[in-house]
C-alpha atoms as a PDB file:
ATOM      1  CA  MET A   1     -31.174  15.026  18.136  1.00  0.00           C
ATOM      2  CA  ASP A   2     -29.375  18.238  19.096  1.00  0.00           C
ATOM      3  CA  GLU A   3     -28.990  20.147  15.810  1.00  0.00           C
ATOM      4  CA  THR A   4     -26.667  22.684  17.429  1.00  0.00           C
ATOM      5  CA  LEU A   5     -24.306  19.895  18.472  1.00  0.00           C
ATOM      6  CA  ILE A   6     -24.423  18.341  14.997  1.00  0.00           C
ATOM      7  CA  PHE A   7     -23.629  21.703  13.407  1.00  0.00           C
ATOM      8  CA  ALA A   8     -20.670  22.314  15.719  1.00  0.00           C
ATOM      9  CA  ILE A   9     -19.226  18.846  15.122  1.00  0.00           C
ATOM     10  CA  ARG A  10     -19.791  19.097  11.364  1.00  0.00           C
ATOM     11  CA  GLU A  11     -17.823  22.352  11.241  1.00  0.00           C
ATOM     12  CA  CYS A  12     -14.882  20.763  13.071  1.00  0.00           C
ATOM     13  CA  TYR A  13     -15.118  17.565  11.032  1.00  0.00           C
ATOM     14  CA  GLN A  14     -15.056  19.438   7.739  1.00  0.00           C
ATOM     15  CA  ARG A  15     -12.151  21.576   8.931  1.00  0.00           C
ATOM     16  CA  VAL A  16     -10.101  18.477   9.748  1.00  0.00           C
ATOM     17  CA  LEU A  17     -11.000  16.910   6.382  1.00  0.00           C
ATOM     18  CA  SER A  18      -9.788  20.073   4.653  1.00  0.00           C
ATOM     19  CA  GLN A  19      -6.526  19.958   6.590  1.00  0.00           C
ATOM     20  CA  ILE A  20      -6.105  16.306   5.615  1.00  0.00           C
ATOM     21  CA  ASP A  21      -6.713  17.119   1.950  1.00  0.00           C
ATOM     22  CA  GLU A  22      -4.224  19.980   2.041  1.00  0.00           C
ATOM     23  CA  ALA A  23      -1.518  17.900   3.728  1.00  0.00           C
ATOM     24  CA  THR A  24      -2.130  15.020   1.315  1.00  0.00           C
ATOM     25  CA  ALA A  25      -1.814  17.283  -1.727  1.00  0.00           C
ATOM     26  CA  ARG A  26       1.239  19.044  -0.310  1.00  0.00           C
ATOM     27  CA  SER A  27       2.905  15.650   0.130  1.00  0.00           C
ATOM     28  CA  GLY A  28       2.274  14.745  -3.508  1.00  0.00           C
ATOM     29  CA  ARG A  29      -0.095  11.920  -2.610  1.00  0.00           C
ATOM     30  CA  ASP A  30      -3.373  10.898  -4.191  1.00  0.00           C
ATOM     31  CA  ALA A  31      -6.563  12.519  -2.969  1.00  0.00           C
ATOM     32  CA  GLY A  32      -8.452  10.171  -0.676  1.00  0.00           C
ATOM     33  CA  SER A  33      -5.354   8.182   0.302  1.00  0.00           C
ATOM     34  CA  VAL A  34      -5.740   9.194   3.966  1.00  0.00           C
ATOM     35  CA  ARG A  35      -8.777   8.063   5.957  1.00  0.00           C
ATOM     36  CA  LEU A  36     -10.061   9.806   9.055  1.00  0.00           C
ATOM     37  CA  VAL A  37     -10.934   7.804  12.164  1.00  0.00           C
ATOM     38  CA  VAL A  38     -13.062   9.909  14.498  1.00  0.00           C
ATOM     39  CA  VAL A  39     -12.097   8.868  18.020  1.00  0.00           C
ATOM     40  CA  THR A  40     -15.231   8.546  20.139  1.00  0.00           C
ATOM     41  CA  LYS A  41     -13.773   6.931  23.262  1.00  0.00           C
ATOM     42  CA  SER A  42     -15.297   8.221  26.505  1.00  0.00           C
ATOM     43  CA  GLN A  43     -17.822  10.264  24.546  1.00  0.00           C
ATOM     44  CA  PRO A  44     -21.510   9.851  25.463  1.00  0.00           C
ATOM     45  CA  LEU A  45     -23.861   8.210  23.020  1.00  0.00           C
ATOM     46  CA  GLU A  46     -25.503  11.486  21.993  1.00  0.00           C
ATOM     47  CA  VAL A  47     -22.133  12.892  20.892  1.00  0.00           C
ATOM     48  CA  VAL A  48     -21.403   9.744  18.876  1.00  0.00           C
ATOM     49  CA  GLN A  49     -24.826   9.991  17.223  1.00  0.00           C
ATOM     50  CA  ALA A  50     -24.158  13.637  16.393  1.00  0.00           C
ATOM     51  CA  ALA A  51     -20.767  12.738  14.908  1.00  0.00           C
ATOM     52  CA  ILE A  52     -22.417  10.200  12.626  1.00  0.00           C
ATOM     53  CA  ALA A  53     -25.073  12.748  11.629  1.00  0.00           C
ATOM     54  CA  ALA A  54     -22.244  15.204  10.900  1.00  0.00           C
ATOM     55  CA  GLY A  55     -20.686  12.777   8.408  1.00  0.00           C
ATOM     56  CA  ALA A  56     -18.259  10.595  10.360  1.00  0.00           C
ATOM     57  CA  SER A  57     -18.028   7.163   8.741  1.00  0.00           C
ATOM     58  CA  ILE A  58     -15.206   5.509  10.737  1.00  0.00           C
ATOM     59  CA  LEU A  59     -15.327   5.595  14.538  1.00  0.00           C
ATOM     60  CA  GLY A  60     -12.432   4.611  16.789  1.00  0.00           C
ATOM     61  CA  GLU A  61     -12.786   3.244  20.311  1.00  0.00           C
ATOM     62  CA  ASN A  62     -10.225   2.352  22.980  1.00  0.00           C
ATOM     63  CA  TYR A  63     -12.198   0.241  25.434  1.00  0.00           C
ATOM     64  CA  ALA A  64     -13.935  -2.895  24.230  1.00  0.00           C
ATOM     65  CA  GLU A  65     -16.871  -3.050  26.642  1.00  0.00           C
ATOM     66  CA  GLU A  66     -17.687   0.660  26.325  1.00  0.00           C
ATOM     67  CA  ALA A  67     -17.478   0.364  22.555  1.00  0.00           C
ATOM     68  CA  VAL A  68     -19.716  -2.701  22.285  1.00  0.00           C
ATOM     69  CA  ALA A  69     -22.467  -0.891  24.185  1.00  0.00           C
ATOM     70  CA  LYS A  70     -22.321   1.917  21.621  1.00  0.00           C
ATOM     71  CA  ILE A  71     -22.117  -0.478  18.683  1.00  0.00           C
ATOM     72  CA  ASN A  72     -25.208  -2.322  19.855  1.00  0.00           C
ATOM     73  CA  ALA A  73     -27.099   0.925  20.471  1.00  0.00           C
ATOM     74  CA  LEU A  74     -26.198   2.182  16.984  1.00  0.00           C
ATOM     75  CA  ALA A  75     -26.572  -1.104  15.141  1.00  0.00           C
ATOM     76  CA  GLU A  76     -28.703   0.462  12.412  1.00  0.00           C
ATOM     77  CA  THR A  77     -26.053   3.006  11.396  1.00  0.00           C
ATOM     78  CA  ALA A  78     -23.720   2.344   8.483  1.00  0.00           C
ATOM     79  CA  VAL A  79     -20.376   3.137  10.105  1.00  0.00           C
ATOM     80  CA  GLU A  80     -17.137   1.223  10.500  1.00  0.00           C
ATOM     81  CA  TRP A  81     -15.970   0.580  14.048  1.00  0.00           C
ATOM     82  CA  HIS A  82     -12.210   0.426  14.596  1.00  0.00           C
ATOM     83  CA  MET A  83     -10.577  -0.697  17.830  1.00  0.00           C
ATOM     84  CA  ILE A  84      -7.574   1.552  18.407  1.00  0.00           C
ATOM     85  CA  GLY A  85      -6.689   0.885  22.055  1.00  0.00           C
ATOM     86  CA  HIS A  86      -4.874  -1.883  23.875  1.00  0.00           C
ATOM     87  CA  VAL A  87      -6.837  -5.144  23.922  1.00  0.00           C
ATOM     88  CA  GLN A  88      -6.630  -7.459  26.900  1.00  0.00           C
ATOM     89  CA  SER A  89      -6.584 -11.093  25.819  1.00  0.00           C
ATOM     90  CA  ARG A  90      -9.703 -11.831  27.858  1.00  0.00           C
ATOM     91  CA  LYS A  91     -11.626  -9.287  25.773  1.00  0.00           C
ATOM     92  CA  ALA A  92     -10.477 -10.574  22.400  1.00  0.00           C
ATOM     93  CA  ASP A  93     -13.908 -12.098  21.765  1.00  0.00           C
ATOM     94  CA  LEU A  94     -15.522  -8.646  21.911  1.00  0.00           C
ATOM     95  CA  VAL A  95     -13.095  -7.283  19.346  1.00  0.00           C
ATOM     96  CA  ALA A  96     -13.420 -10.303  17.070  1.00  0.00           C
ATOM     97  CA  GLY A  97     -17.190 -10.063  17.107  1.00  0.00           C
ATOM     98  CA  HIS A  98     -17.827  -6.334  16.784  1.00  0.00           C
ATOM     99  CA  PHE A  99     -15.066  -4.491  14.929  1.00  0.00           C
ATOM    100  CA  SER A 100     -14.028  -4.287  11.291  1.00  0.00           C
ATOM    101  CA  MET A 101     -10.420  -3.337  12.057  1.00  0.00           C
ATOM    102  CA  LEU A 102      -8.014  -3.551  14.998  1.00  0.00           C
ATOM    103  CA  HIS A 103      -5.230  -0.955  14.897  1.00  0.00           C
ATOM    104  CA  SER A 104      -3.436  -2.214  17.996  1.00  0.00           C
ATOM    105  CA  LEU A 105      -2.438  -5.855  17.554  1.00  0.00           C
ATOM    106  CA  ASP A 106       0.546  -6.005  19.896  1.00  0.00           C
ATOM    107  CA  SER A 107       1.392  -9.678  20.453  1.00  0.00           C
ATOM    108  CA  LEU A 108       1.320 -13.105  18.867  1.00  0.00           C
ATOM    109  CA  LYS A 109      -0.744 -14.387  21.817  1.00  0.00           C
ATOM    110  CA  LEU A 110      -3.495 -11.848  21.111  1.00  0.00           C
ATOM    111  CA  ALA A 111      -3.348 -12.616  17.389  1.00  0.00           C
ATOM    112  CA  GLU A 112      -3.872 -16.329  17.973  1.00  0.00           C
ATOM    113  CA  ARG A 113      -6.782 -15.675  20.313  1.00  0.00           C
ATOM    114  CA  LEU A 114      -8.440 -13.272  17.882  1.00  0.00           C
ATOM    115  CA  ASN A 115      -7.994 -15.770  15.075  1.00  0.00           C
ATOM    116  CA  ARG A 116      -9.665 -18.487  17.143  1.00  0.00           C
ATOM    117  CA  TYR A 117     -12.671 -16.316  17.989  1.00  0.00           C
ATOM    118  CA  CYS A 118     -13.011 -15.155  14.384  1.00  0.00           C
ATOM    119  CA  GLU A 119     -12.955 -18.787  13.287  1.00  0.00           C
ATOM    120  CA  GLU A 120     -15.768 -19.586  15.714  1.00  0.00           C
ATOM    121  CA  LEU A 121     -17.772 -16.608  14.449  1.00  0.00           C
ATOM    122  CA  GLY A 122     -17.120 -17.320  10.787  1.00  0.00           C
ATOM    123  CA  ARG A 123     -15.684 -13.884  10.102  1.00  0.00           C
ATOM    124  CA  SER A 124     -12.362 -12.153   9.416  1.00  0.00           C
ATOM    125  CA  LEU A 125     -10.726  -9.162  11.071  1.00  0.00           C
ATOM    126  CA  GLN A 126      -8.455  -6.570   9.505  1.00  0.00           C
ATOM    127  CA  VAL A 127      -5.472  -5.831  11.734  1.00  0.00           C
ATOM    128  CA  LEU A 128      -2.554  -3.452  12.034  1.00  0.00           C
ATOM    129  CA  LEU A 129       0.515  -4.312  14.083  1.00  0.00           C
ATOM    130  CA  GLU A 130       1.137  -1.821  16.876  1.00  0.00           C
ATOM    131  CA  ILE A 131       4.808  -0.849  16.985  1.00  0.00           C
ATOM    132  CA  ASN A 132       6.542   0.834  19.902  1.00  0.00           C
ATOM    133  CA  VAL A 133       8.908   3.176  18.056  1.00  0.00           C
ATOM    134  CA  SER A 134      10.047   5.146  21.103  1.00  0.00           C
ATOM    135  CA  GLY A 135      11.062   2.498  23.630  1.00  0.00           C
ATOM    136  CA  GLU A 136       8.801   4.002  26.291  1.00  0.00           C
ATOM    137  CA  GLU A 137       7.828   1.393  28.865  1.00  0.00           C
ATOM    138  CA  SER A 138       4.322   2.862  29.059  1.00  0.00           C
ATOM    139  CA  LYS A 139       3.693   2.072  25.383  1.00  0.00           C
ATOM    140  CA  TYR A 140       2.377  -1.232  24.047  1.00  0.00           C
ATOM    141  CA  GLY A 141       3.483  -2.797  20.809  1.00  0.00           C
ATOM    142  CA  PHE A 142       6.153  -4.867  19.134  1.00  0.00           C
ATOM    143  CA  PRO A 143       9.617  -3.427  19.872  1.00  0.00           C
ATOM    144  CA  GLY A 144      10.564  -1.241  16.944  1.00  0.00           C
ATOM    145  CA  TRP A 145      12.732   1.492  18.417  1.00  0.00           C
ATOM    146  CA  ASP A 146      16.065  -0.184  17.609  1.00  0.00           C
ATOM    147  CA  GLU A 147      16.319  -0.618  13.862  1.00  0.00           C
ATOM    148  CA  GLN A 148      19.196  -3.097  14.195  1.00  0.00           C
ATOM    149  CA  HIS A 149      16.778  -5.499  15.894  1.00  0.00           C
ATOM    150  CA  TRP A 150      14.061  -5.363  13.244  1.00  0.00           C
ATOM    151  CA  PRO A 151      15.075  -8.773  11.823  1.00  0.00           C
ATOM    152  CA  ASN A 152      14.118 -10.255  15.214  1.00  0.00           C
ATOM    153  CA  LEU A 153      10.503  -9.323  14.530  1.00  0.00           C
ATOM    154  CA  GLU A 154      10.246 -11.496  11.433  1.00  0.00           C
ATOM    155  CA  PRO A 155       9.418 -14.885  13.043  1.00  0.00           C
ATOM    156  CA  GLU A 156       6.454 -13.636  15.089  1.00  0.00           C
ATOM    157  CA  ILE A 157       5.142 -11.429  12.318  1.00  0.00           C
ATOM    158  CA  GLY A 158       5.506 -14.273   9.856  1.00  0.00           C
ATOM    159  CA  HIS A 159       3.389 -16.431  12.159  1.00  0.00           C
ATOM    160  CA  ILE A 160       0.702 -13.747  12.309  1.00  0.00           C
ATOM    161  CA  THR A 161       0.556 -13.503   8.526  1.00  0.00           C
ATOM    162  CA  ALA A 162      -0.301 -17.215   8.412  1.00  0.00           C
ATOM    163  CA  LEU A 163      -3.364 -16.912  10.666  1.00  0.00           C
ATOM    164  CA  PRO A 164      -6.264 -17.461   8.254  1.00  0.00           C
ATOM    165  CA  ARG A 165      -8.871 -15.233   9.904  1.00  0.00           C
ATOM    166  CA  LEU A 166      -6.680 -12.149  10.341  1.00  0.00           C
ATOM    167  CA  ARG A 167      -6.124  -9.777   7.431  1.00  0.00           C
ATOM    168  CA  LEU A 168      -2.856  -7.948   8.077  1.00  0.00           C
ATOM    169  CA  ARG A 169      -2.953  -4.473   6.531  1.00  0.00           C
ATOM    170  CA  GLY A 170       0.019  -2.603   7.956  1.00  0.00           C
ATOM    171  CA  LEU A 171       1.338  -0.839  11.051  1.00  0.00           C
ATOM    172  CA  MET A 172       0.267   1.561  13.795  1.00  0.00           C
ATOM    173  CA  THR A 173       2.152   3.617  16.347  1.00  0.00           C
ATOM    174  CA  MET A 174       1.608   6.144  19.128  1.00  0.00           C
ATOM    175  CA  PRO A 175       4.718   8.321  19.557  1.00  0.00           C
ATOM    176  CA  PRO A 176       5.539  10.323  22.671  1.00  0.00           C
ATOM    177  CA  PHE A 177       3.428  13.430  23.155  1.00  0.00           C
ATOM    178  CA  PHE A 178       5.055  16.772  22.386  1.00  0.00           C
ATOM    179  CA  ASP A 179       3.606  20.284  22.361  1.00  0.00           C
ATOM    180  CA  ASP A 180       5.462  20.798  19.074  1.00  0.00           C
ATOM    181  CA  PRO A 181       4.224  18.231  16.504  1.00  0.00           C
ATOM    182  CA  GLU A 182       7.506  18.580  14.629  1.00  0.00           C
ATOM    183  CA  GLN A 183       9.126  16.575  17.423  1.00  0.00           C
ATOM    184  CA  THR A 184       6.963  13.583  16.533  1.00  0.00           C
ATOM    185  CA  ARG A 185       8.301  13.492  12.967  1.00  0.00           C
ATOM    186  CA  PRO A 186      11.305  11.187  13.656  1.00  0.00           C
ATOM    187  CA  TYR A 187       8.966   8.582  15.182  1.00  0.00           C
ATOM    188  CA  PHE A 188       6.638   8.650  12.192  1.00  0.00           C
ATOM    189  CA  GLN A 189       9.653   8.383   9.896  1.00  0.00           C
ATOM    190  CA  ARG A 190      10.848   5.344  11.835  1.00  0.00           C
ATOM    191  CA  LEU A 191       7.498   3.599  11.362  1.00  0.00           C
ATOM    192  CA  HIS A 192       7.639   4.381   7.658  1.00  0.00           C
ATOM    193  CA  ARG A 193      11.136   2.892   7.426  1.00  0.00           C
ATOM    194  CA  LEU A 194       9.897  -0.233   9.199  1.00  0.00           C
ATOM    195  CA  GLN A 195       7.099  -0.484   6.637  1.00  0.00           C
ATOM    196  CA  VAL A 196       9.743  -0.424   3.872  1.00  0.00           C
ATOM    197  CA  PHE A 197      11.822  -3.032   5.721  1.00  0.00           C
ATOM    198  CA  LEU A 198       8.862  -5.396   6.123  1.00  0.00           C
ATOM    199  CA  ARG A 199       7.876  -4.996   2.479  1.00  0.00           C
ATOM    200  CA  GLU A 200      11.353  -6.194   1.564  1.00  0.00           C
ATOM    201  CA  HIS A 201      11.603  -9.021   4.116  1.00  0.00           C
ATOM    202  CA  ILE A 202       7.990 -10.245   4.289  1.00  0.00           C
ATOM    203  CA  PRO A 203       6.844  -9.335   0.761  1.00  0.00           C
ATOM    204  CA  TYR A 204       3.872 -11.698   0.717  1.00  0.00           C
ATOM    205  CA  ALA A 205       2.051  -9.663   3.394  1.00  0.00           C
ATOM    206  CA  ASP A 206       0.064  -6.468   2.869  1.00  0.00           C
ATOM    207  CA  TRP A 207       1.863  -3.438   4.334  1.00  0.00           C
ATOM    208  CA  THR A 208      -0.347  -0.791   2.728  1.00  0.00           C
ATOM    209  CA  ASP A 209      -1.509   1.102   5.802  1.00  0.00           C
ATOM    210  CA  LEU A 210       0.135   3.275   8.426  1.00  0.00           C
ATOM    211  CA  SER A 211      -2.103   4.402  11.292  1.00  0.00           C
ATOM    212  CA  MET A 212      -0.388   7.329  12.970  1.00  0.00           C
ATOM    213  CA  GLY A 213      -1.242  10.842  14.000  1.00  0.00           C
ATOM    214  CA  THR A 214      -3.821  12.272  16.410  1.00  0.00           C
ATOM    215  CA  SER A 215      -5.377  15.696  16.976  1.00  0.00           C
ATOM    216  CA  ALA A 216      -1.978  17.067  18.007  1.00  0.00           C
ATOM    217  CA  ASP A 217       0.117  15.862  15.079  1.00  0.00           C
ATOM    218  CA  PHE A 218      -1.964  14.334  12.276  1.00  0.00           C
ATOM    219  CA  ILE A 219      -0.688  16.781   9.646  1.00  0.00           C
ATOM    220  CA  THR A 220       2.921  15.776  10.361  1.00  0.00           C
ATOM    221  CA  ALA A 221       1.862  12.114  10.250  1.00  0.00           C
ATOM    222  CA  ILE A 222       0.308  12.562   6.802  1.00  0.00           C
ATOM    223  CA  GLU A 223       3.487  14.205   5.548  1.00  0.00           C
ATOM    224  CA  GLU A 224       5.341  11.060   6.676  1.00  0.00           C
ATOM    225  CA  GLY A 225       3.001   8.553   5.042  1.00  0.00           C
ATOM    226  CA  ALA A 226      -0.022   8.011   7.299  1.00  0.00           C
ATOM    227  CA  THR A 227      -3.027   6.390   5.616  1.00  0.00           C
ATOM    228  CA  TYR A 228      -5.178   6.502   8.774  1.00  0.00           C
ATOM    229  CA  VAL A 229      -5.219   9.390  11.241  1.00  0.00           C
ATOM    230  CA  ARG A 230      -7.041   9.102  14.560  1.00  0.00           C
ATOM    231  CA  VAL A 231      -8.616  12.413  15.550  1.00  0.00           C
ATOM    232  CA  GLY A 232     -10.915  12.938  18.514  1.00  0.00           C
ATOM    233  CA  GLN A 233     -10.712  16.197  20.442  1.00  0.00           C
ATOM    234  CA  ALA A 234     -10.159  18.386  17.367  1.00  0.00           C
ATOM    235  CA  ILE A 235     -13.594  17.235  16.166  1.00  0.00           C
ATOM    236  CA  LEU A 236     -15.619  16.302  19.251  1.00  0.00           C
ATOM    237  CA  GLY A 237     -14.028  18.465  21.929  1.00  0.00           C
ATOM    238  CA  ARG A 238     -12.790  17.266  25.289  1.00  0.00           C
ATOM    239  CA  ARG A 239     -13.804  13.804  26.419  1.00  0.00           C
ATOM    240  CA  SER A 240     -15.953  13.158  29.445  1.00  0.00           C
ATOM    241  CA  ALA A 241     -14.083  12.381  32.643  1.00  0.00           C
END
């Protein structure tokens, strides 16, 4: 294994961990309350191996088939694999069979399909509901940009909470990209307010986690309540084409 690559990734990884710790403390939150997902999508296997050697324990992937090839190749490593990208219904079996958490559950149809595959496999899957907090047509997720319409989400979400093989843990969002991370703050605040709303209206479900924040804005996300941040380029560098 390339020791120079491991060293370079370890330096970046530790720097991001330090930034997470500082932002967590500054926000008056408990140490360790924010977990780092190292985003390995489109990275070659040798980079993923180096990331694991550098200390990464949670890896995030966007594309099911690409991810499964890596998971199978690295089956002996003790890492968690999280699916963070959009999942096509026809690939739900890959997610159900290979991941410990799905951050991007964006429809009742997908939830029911995942539940069925998990039932067949005899396993459970932790899930976060993806929420579109901006209203952008290019974004997936349950519609959450208009707070007056949040009560309309309750029936579908209530149905998802009843699926026996899915373990609902909270919410995820991807806000619009801005050069200034401060501009993402209102979108993170909106997701946090939705978390509070759902705790009040669907109190029997677990709303512990908020997955929000990437290389560009994870510090702002932590300040607004993130418990998972998804960081790729700040640790691994630019992705392959």
